[in-house]
Amino acid sequence: MYESLQSDDGFGNPGSLHRLGVLAEKSLKASLLSISSSLQTKTNELYFTSCGSESINTAVQGFLHANPRLGKHIISTRTEHKASLETLRYLEDSGYEVSYLRVDRNGQPDLHQLEQTIRKDTALITLTHVNNETGAVLPVADILAVRNRTNAQTRIHLDCVQSLGKLPMRLSNLGIDMASFSGHKVHSVKGIGLLYVREGCKVHPLIYGGGQQNGLRSGTESPYLAGALALAISLAEIDRDAALVRVTMLKKQLIEALADLSPSILSPENALPYIVNLSFASFSAETMLHALEEQDIYVSTVSACSSKNRKVSHVLLEMGVEPDVARNAVRISFSRFSTAQEVAAVSAAIHQIFSKYSTKRGRS
């Protein structure tokens, strides 16, 4: 388990030669060693970033710019996070071709279409390990099998922001080339992300400067943020298996408690239980969100990165969910710290909201 650093150990610049710099560098290396042990990879394959979005941009853009001979064709889906979709849109405007795979009602990409779509000039496949709106889990082994028998030179990048600390993450055995992570999803402080780049996979930096982190991500590293991430990942990994059992039961408890209200459960049955996406026929998502907010219960509609646009979830629409159902969808997220008492409180609040609004409608 990672041991937290002393306050003086992280004050210096890890690139400086004086004592404080040496202490900071030692702390930074300890964080890398801890994370590499947790994720079962090499320390020289890990890079600290500011967030998941930066990691995704560095992986996707950096790889393509570093490997022009592999081609200018990319494969993805339209159910990706906006950090991926907007990056792909930028690349399309820059002359790259992106093929978007269909997904089924469970959010799974069409593997037959994938096999038909991979070409000699397909440089990259970029997909999400666990969907941030539905919890749908990508069949990574199946994706790898298709890639291996069609074009083994095509590289694979996964957005692993939602799977970190929740699913086994043995990067050295996973078979992918790059992966992006975000610290706050495992209860680290905001402002720290992580990028995995398999040894031998060439990636150009997005940020130039002093050449820190083997030249891939310049800028003074923060031992404090690195230490926070290392500790968060370590604690999440220790509790991962037990937490999955607990959260599975909590999700079941919530769905059963709301069954009398007949919500449409939009998350697949085999989704990661940390996310449940459901829709109430008689309530818009925004009404439900603000009604719960009044009771200090906070849920989401679409991805937090898109929520202020008040758009219907692009993920649900791509899955074939009817627009009226998707418009009423809310996303309830669990963490390993969630409790049965909290689930009961959420259920009671939703029932109270239904009762309150039904009474108002009856009077009108």
Protein backbone atom coordinates (compact mmCIF):
# COMPACT_ATOMS: atom_id res chain seq x y z
CA MET A 1 0.00 0.00 0.00
CA TYR A 2 1.21 3.49 -0.81
CA GLU A 3 2.58 5.46 2.12
CA SER A 4 1.63 9.14 2.13
CA LEU A 5 4.46 11.64 1.74
CA GLN A 6 5.55 14.20 4.31
CA SER A 7 4.68 17.81 3.53
CA ASP A 8 8.30 18.85 2.91
CA ASP A 9 8.94 15.93 0.57
CA GLY A 10 6.81 17.34 -2.21
CA PHE A 11 7.54 21.05 -1.99
CA GLY A 12 10.54 21.12 -4.29
CA ASN A 13 10.65 20.78 -8.06
CA PRO A 14 11.35 17.11 -8.92
CA GLY A 15 13.69 18.33 -11.66
CA SER A 16 15.90 20.35 -9.29
CA LEU A 17 19.25 19.10 -7.99
CA HIS A 18 18.96 20.49 -4.44
CA ARG A 19 17.76 18.48 -1.46
CA LEU A 20 14.10 19.49 -1.74
CA GLY A 21 14.15 18.59 -5.42
CA VAL A 22 15.66 15.20 -4.68
CA LEU A 23 13.01 14.53 -2.03
CA ALA A 24 10.26 15.54 -4.45
CA GLU A 25 11.66 13.26 -7.16
CA LYS A 26 11.88 10.39 -4.68
CA SER A 27 8.24 10.93 -3.73
CA LEU A 28 7.19 11.06 -7.38
CA LYS A 29 9.01 7.81 -8.14
CA ALA A 30 7.38 6.15 -5.13
CA SER A 31 3.95 7.13 -6.47
CA LEU A 32 4.78 5.72 -9.90
CA LEU A 33 6.02 2.50 -8.35
CA SER A 34 2.84 2.15 -6.30
CA ILE A 35 0.57 2.77 -9.29
CA SER A 36 2.55 0.44 -11.54
CA SER A 37 2.21 -2.28 -8.92
CA SER A 38 -1.54 -1.71 -8.63
CA LEU A 39 -2.07 -1.71 -12.41
CA GLN A 40 0.58 -4.34 -13.09
CA THR A 41 2.64 -2.44 -15.60
CA LYS A 42 6.06 -0.77 -15.84
CA THR A 43 6.75 2.64 -14.36
CA ASN A 44 8.09 3.92 -17.69
CA GLU A 45 4.69 3.19 -19.27
CA LEU A 46 2.82 5.61 -16.99
CA TYR A 47 2.48 9.37 -17.34
CA PHE A 48 0.75 11.85 -15.06
CA THR A 49 -1.68 14.28 -16.71
CA SER A 50 -4.22 16.80 -15.46
CA CYS A 51 -7.34 14.72 -16.17
CA GLY A 52 -8.91 11.98 -18.26
CA SER A 53 -9.59 14.36 -21.14
CA GLU A 54 -5.92 15.29 -21.44
CA SER A 55 -4.96 11.62 -21.30
CA ILE A 56 -7.42 10.79 -24.10
CA ASN A 57 -6.24 13.67 -26.27
CA THR A 58 -2.59 12.77 -25.75
CA ALA A 59 -3.19 9.11 -26.55
CA VAL A 60 -5.35 9.60 -29.64
CA GLN A 61 -3.76 12.67 -31.21
CA GLY A 62 -0.26 11.89 -30.02
CA PHE A 63 -0.28 8.37 -31.39
CA LEU A 64 -1.67 9.33 -34.80
CA HIS A 65 0.76 12.20 -35.23
CA ALA A 66 3.68 9.96 -34.26
CA ASN A 67 2.72 7.13 -36.62
CA PRO A 68 1.61 8.63 -39.95
CA ARG A 69 2.71 5.55 -41.90
CA LEU A 70 0.11 3.37 -40.19
CA GLY A 71 -2.65 5.29 -41.94
CA LYS A 72 -5.29 7.94 -41.28
CA HIS A 73 -8.24 5.69 -40.53
CA ILE A 74 -9.73 5.46 -37.02
CA ILE A 75 -12.51 3.26 -35.62
CA SER A 76 -14.71 4.23 -32.68
CA THR A 77 -18.39 4.51 -31.68
CA ARG A 78 -20.70 7.45 -31.16
CA THR A 79 -21.31 6.42 -27.54
CA GLU A 80 -17.89 7.64 -26.44
CA HIS A 81 -17.33 10.41 -23.93
CA LYS A 82 -17.20 13.92 -25.39
CA ALA A 83 -13.46 14.00 -24.70
CA SER A 84 -13.09 11.31 -27.34
CA LEU A 85 -15.84 12.44 -29.72
CA GLU A 86 -14.63 16.04 -29.89
CA THR A 87 -11.05 14.85 -30.43
CA LEU A 88 -12.24 12.63 -33.27
CA ARG A 89 -14.20 15.51 -34.78
CA TYR A 90 -11.06 17.66 -34.73
CA LEU A 91 -9.10 14.88 -36.42
CA GLU A 92 -11.78 14.49 -39.08
CA ASP A 93 -11.48 18.20 -39.81
CA SER A 94 -7.71 17.64 -40.08
CA GLY A 95 -7.99 15.00 -42.78
CA TYR A 96 -8.45 11.77 -40.83
CA GLU A 97 -11.29 9.35 -41.56
CA VAL A 98 -13.33 7.99 -38.66
CA SER A 99 -15.64 4.98 -38.94
CA TYR A 100 -18.23 4.77 -36.17
CA LEU A 101 -19.46 1.30 -35.25
CA ARG A 102 -23.12 0.63 -34.49
CA VAL A 103 -23.99 -0.32 -30.93
CA ASP A 104 -26.89 -2.48 -29.79
CA ARG A 105 -29.45 -1.81 -27.05
CA ASN A 106 -26.89 -3.01 -24.50
CA GLY A 107 -24.30 -0.53 -25.74
CA GLN A 108 -22.10 -3.22 -27.30
CA PRO A 109 -20.30 -2.43 -30.56
CA ASP A 110 -21.10 -4.52 -33.61
CA LEU A 111 -18.15 -6.92 -33.82
CA HIS A 112 -19.08 -8.10 -37.32
CA GLN A 113 -19.04 -4.50 -38.49
CA LEU A 114 -15.69 -4.02 -36.73
CA GLU A 115 -14.21 -6.93 -38.67
CA GLN A 116 -15.55 -5.53 -41.93
CA THR A 117 -14.33 -2.01 -41.12
CA ILE A 118 -10.69 -2.63 -40.19
CA ARG A 119 -8.45 -1.86 -43.16
CA LYS A 120 -4.75 -1.84 -43.95
CA ASP A 121 -4.68 1.88 -43.15
CA THR A 122 -6.60 1.58 -39.86
CA ALA A 123 -4.15 3.09 -37.41
CA LEU A 124 -6.25 3.19 -34.25
CA ILE A 125 -9.30 1.77 -32.51
CA THR A 126 -10.41 3.95 -29.61
CA LEU A 127 -13.27 2.78 -27.37
CA THR A 128 -14.59 3.10 -23.82
CA HIS A 129 -13.97 0.30 -21.34
CA VAL A 130 -17.03 1.15 -19.21
CA ASN A 131 -19.58 3.61 -20.53
CA ASN A 132 -19.94 6.62 -18.26
CA GLU A 133 -23.72 6.91 -18.73
CA THR A 134 -24.90 3.30 -18.68
CA GLY A 135 -22.12 1.20 -17.16
CA ALA A 136 -21.95 -1.01 -20.27
CA VAL A 137 -18.72 -3.03 -20.22
CA LEU A 138 -16.74 -3.40 -23.43
CA PRO A 139 -15.87 -6.98 -24.49
CA VAL A 140 -12.15 -6.23 -24.67
CA ALA A 141 -11.07 -9.80 -25.43
CA ASP A 142 -13.46 -9.95 -28.39
CA ILE A 143 -12.21 -6.62 -29.73
CA LEU A 144 -8.64 -7.85 -29.48
CA ALA A 145 -9.48 -11.09 -31.26
CA VAL A 146 -11.03 -9.23 -34.19
CA ARG A 147 -8.09 -6.83 -34.38
CA ASN A 148 -5.52 -9.63 -34.24
CA ARG A 149 -6.99 -11.57 -37.15
CA THR A 150 -7.63 -8.56 -39.38
CA ASN A 151 -4.80 -6.07 -38.83
CA ALA A 152 -2.42 -6.71 -35.94
CA GLN A 153 -0.70 -3.36 -36.62
CA THR A 154 -3.82 -1.43 -35.61
CA ARG A 155 -3.37 -0.04 -32.10
CA ILE A 156 -6.05 0.03 -29.41
CA HIS A 157 -6.74 2.82 -26.92
CA LEU A 158 -9.28 2.47 -24.13
CA ASP A 159 -10.94 5.17 -22.07
CA CYS A 160 -10.68 3.49 -18.66
CA VAL A 161 -11.90 6.42 -16.58
CA GLN A 162 -14.95 4.53 -15.29
CA SER A 163 -13.28 1.13 -14.88
CA LEU A 164 -10.30 2.17 -12.75
CA GLY A 165 -10.62 0.72 -9.26
CA LYS A 166 -13.79 -1.14 -10.21
CA LEU A 167 -12.63 -3.83 -12.63
CA PRO A 168 -9.35 -5.81 -12.57
CA MET A 169 -6.75 -3.69 -14.35
CA ARG A 170 -3.73 -5.80 -15.30
CA LEU A 171 -2.40 -3.62 -18.08
CA SER A 172 0.54 -5.84 -18.95
CA ASN A 173 -1.88 -8.67 -19.76
CA LEU A 174 -4.81 -6.71 -21.15
CA GLY A 175 -3.38 -6.58 -24.66
CA ILE A 176 -4.11 -2.93 -25.37
CA ASP A 177 -1.64 -0.22 -26.33
CA MET A 178 -2.89 2.85 -24.47
CA ALA A 179 -5.33 3.63 -21.66
CA SER A 180 -6.61 6.84 -20.10
CA PHE A 181 -7.58 7.36 -16.46
CA SER A 182 -8.85 10.10 -14.14
CA GLY A 183 -8.09 10.40 -10.44
CA HIS A 184 -11.35 11.79 -9.14
CA LYS A 185 -13.25 8.66 -10.21
CA VAL A 186 -11.41 6.74 -7.48
CA HIS A 187 -11.81 9.53 -4.90
CA SER A 188 -8.50 11.24 -5.52
CA VAL A 189 -8.42 15.02 -5.74
CA LYS A 190 -9.50 16.60 -9.02
CA GLY A 191 -6.72 17.76 -11.31
CA ILE A 192 -4.77 14.53 -11.72
CA GLY A 193 -5.06 12.02 -14.53
CA LEU A 194 -2.99 9.13 -15.80
CA LEU A 195 -1.98 7.83 -19.20
CA TYR A 196 -0.69 4.33 -19.96
CA VAL A 197 1.38 3.88 -23.12
CA ARG A 198 2.71 0.39 -23.76
CA GLU A 199 6.47 0.25 -24.09
CA GLY A 200 7.38 0.50 -27.77
CA CYS A 201 4.21 2.41 -28.71
CA LYS A 202 5.30 5.79 -30.05
CA VAL A 203 3.28 8.84 -29.01
CA HIS A 204 4.03 12.52 -29.63
CA PRO A 205 3.42 15.00 -26.80
CA LEU A 206 0.68 17.61 -26.78
CA ILE A 207 2.57 19.78 -24.29
CA TYR A 208 6.14 20.87 -25.00
CA GLY A 209 8.56 22.44 -22.58
CA GLY A 210 11.17 21.07 -20.21
CA GLY A 211 10.87 17.48 -21.38
CA GLN A 212 9.55 16.03 -18.13
CA GLN A 213 8.12 12.49 -18.04
CA ASN A 214 10.41 11.19 -20.75
CA GLY A 215 9.44 14.08 -22.99
CA LEU A 216 5.81 13.03 -23.37
CA ARG A 217 4.26 15.50 -20.95
CA SER A 218 6.30 18.60 -20.12
CA GLY A 219 5.55 20.69 -17.07
CA THR A 220 6.58 20.56 -13.44
CA GLU A 221 5.17 17.42 -11.85
CA SER A 222 3.21 17.63 -8.60
CA PRO A 223 4.31 15.04 -6.02
CA TYR A 224 1.23 15.91 -3.98
CA LEU A 225 -1.21 15.12 -6.79
CA ALA A 226 0.77 12.03 -7.77
CA GLY A 227 0.76 10.86 -4.17
CA ALA A 228 -2.97 11.44 -3.85
CA LEU A 229 -3.60 9.39 -6.99
CA ALA A 230 -1.31 6.59 -5.88
CA LEU A 231 -3.02 6.37 -2.50
CA ALA A 232 -6.51 6.49 -4.03
CA ILE A 233 -5.72 3.71 -6.51
CA SER A 234 -4.11 1.60 -3.81
CA LEU A 235 -7.12 1.88 -1.53
CA ALA A 236 -9.56 1.23 -4.37
CA GLU A 237 -7.66 -1.88 -5.43
CA ILE A 238 -7.59 -3.27 -1.89
CA ASP A 239 -11.38 -2.94 -1.64
CA ARG A 240 -12.22 -3.64 -5.30
CA ASP A 241 -13.65 -7.17 -5.13
CA ALA A 242 -15.58 -6.64 -1.89
CA ALA A 243 -16.88 -3.28 -3.13
CA LEU A 244 -18.19 -4.86 -6.33
CA VAL A 245 -20.27 -7.30 -4.27
CA ARG A 246 -21.60 -4.52 -2.03
CA VAL A 247 -22.48 -2.17 -4.87
CA THR A 248 -24.16 -4.99 -6.82
CA MET A 249 -26.47 -5.50 -3.84
CA LEU A 250 -27.09 -1.76 -3.51
CA LYS A 251 -28.06 -1.46 -7.17
CA LYS A 252 -30.45 -4.40 -6.76
CA GLN A 253 -31.90 -2.77 -3.65
CA LEU A 254 -32.53 0.49 -5.49
CA ILE A 255 -34.17 -1.11 -8.52
CA GLU A 256 -36.43 -3.24 -6.33
CA ALA A 257 -37.37 -0.24 -4.18
CA LEU A 258 -38.41 1.74 -7.27
CA ALA A 259 -40.15 -1.13 -9.04
CA ASP A 260 -43.65 0.12 -8.12
CA LEU A 261 -42.93 3.32 -10.08
CA SER A 262 -42.18 1.26 -13.21
CA PRO A 263 -39.01 3.01 -14.38
CA SER A 264 -37.36 1.94 -17.61
CA ILE A 265 -33.94 0.51 -16.71
CA LEU A 266 -31.66 1.64 -19.52
CA SER A 267 -28.40 0.20 -18.21
CA PRO A 268 -27.71 -3.31 -19.53
CA GLU A 269 -28.31 -6.19 -17.12
CA ASN A 270 -24.62 -7.05 -17.13
CA ALA A 271 -23.49 -3.44 -16.75
CA LEU A 272 -20.99 -2.47 -14.09
CA PRO A 273 -23.28 -1.85 -11.09
CA TYR A 274 -21.70 1.48 -10.14
CA ILE A 275 -23.97 3.21 -12.66
CA VAL A 276 -27.70 2.74 -13.15
CA ASN A 277 -29.48 4.71 -15.85
CA LEU A 278 -33.26 4.81 -15.57
CA SER A 279 -36.14 6.79 -16.99
CA PHE A 280 -39.45 7.78 -15.41
CA ALA A 281 -42.21 8.17 -17.97
CA SER A 282 -43.97 11.04 -16.22
CA PHE A 283 -40.95 13.12 -15.22
CA SER A 284 -38.39 14.95 -17.30
CA ALA A 285 -34.81 14.32 -16.24
CA GLU A 286 -34.32 17.96 -15.36
CA THR A 287 -37.38 18.00 -13.08
CA MET A 288 -36.21 14.89 -11.28
CA LEU A 289 -32.67 16.22 -10.95
CA HIS A 290 -33.72 19.49 -9.34
CA ALA A 291 -36.37 17.89 -7.14
CA LEU A 292 -33.75 15.51 -5.73
CA GLU A 293 -31.27 18.36 -5.40
CA GLU A 294 -33.66 20.06 -2.97
CA GLN A 295 -33.10 17.07 -0.68
CA ASP A 296 -29.31 17.15 -1.11
CA ILE A 297 -29.38 14.15 -3.43
CA TYR A 298 -27.36 14.68 -6.58
CA VAL A 299 -27.88 12.67 -9.76
CA SER A 300 -26.98 13.35 -13.37
CA THR A 301 -28.77 13.38 -16.68
CA VAL A 302 -26.21 13.21 -19.49
CA SER A 303 -22.45 13.26 -18.93
CA ALA A 304 -21.39 16.03 -16.55
CA CYS A 305 -19.25 17.45 -19.36
CA SER A 306 -22.39 17.98 -21.48
CA SER A 307 -25.13 18.52 -18.88
CA LYS A 308 -25.27 22.32 -19.10
CA ASN A 309 -26.21 22.06 -22.78
CA ARG A 310 -29.50 20.37 -21.76
CA LYS A 311 -29.25 17.88 -24.60
CA VAL A 312 -30.73 14.41 -24.71
CA SER A 313 -28.09 11.76 -24.11
CA HIS A 314 -26.28 10.90 -27.34
CA VAL A 315 -25.32 7.58 -25.77
CA LEU A 316 -28.92 6.48 -25.22
CA LEU A 317 -30.03 7.64 -28.64
CA GLU A 318 -27.22 5.68 -30.29
CA MET A 319 -28.34 2.61 -28.31
CA GLY A 320 -31.77 2.92 -29.90
CA VAL A 321 -33.59 4.27 -26.85
CA GLU A 322 -36.70 6.20 -27.85
CA PRO A 323 -36.16 9.99 -27.62
CA ASP A 324 -39.01 10.49 -25.14
CA VAL A 325 -37.55 7.82 -22.86
CA ALA A 326 -34.01 9.14 -23.23
CA ARG A 327 -35.21 12.67 -22.44
CA ASN A 328 -36.45 11.47 -19.03
CA ALA A 329 -33.34 9.46 -18.16
CA VAL A 330 -31.35 10.07 -15.00
CA ARG A 331 -28.06 8.50 -14.03
CA ILE A 332 -27.54 7.42 -10.44
CA SER A 333 -23.95 6.62 -9.51
CA PHE A 334 -22.65 4.55 -6.63
CA SER A 335 -19.22 4.46 -5.09
CA ARG A 336 -17.59 1.93 -2.83
CA PHE A 337 -18.58 4.19 0.07
CA SER A 338 -22.31 4.10 -0.74
CA THR A 339 -24.58 2.56 1.90
CA ALA A 340 -27.92 0.82 2.11
CA GLN A 341 -29.20 3.76 4.17
CA GLU A 342 -28.36 6.14 1.33
CA VAL A 343 -30.13 3.93 -1.18
CA ALA A 344 -33.21 3.87 1.05
CA ALA A 345 -33.09 7.65 1.32
CA VAL A 346 -32.91 8.04 -2.48
CA SER A 347 -35.84 5.67 -2.95
CA ALA A 348 -37.91 7.48 -0.34
CA ALA A 349 -37.13 10.85 -1.92
CA ILE A 350 -38.16 9.68 -5.39
CA HIS A 351 -41.41 8.27 -4.03
CA GLN A 352 -42.06 11.55 -2.23
CA ILE A 353 -41.45 13.47 -5.47
CA PHE A 354 -43.90 11.25 -7.33
CA SER A 355 -46.51 11.73 -4.62
CA LYS A 356 -46.02 15.50 -4.51
CA TYR A 357 -46.21 16.05 -8.26
CA SER A 358 -49.09 13.61 -8.71
CA THR A 359 -51.08 15.60 -6.12
CA LYS A 360 -50.32 18.87 -7.92
CA ARG A 361 -51.41 17.41 -11.23
CA GLY A 362 -54.59 16.10 -9.69
CA ARG A 363 -55.49 19.57 -8.39
CA SER A 364 -54.83 21.18 -11.73
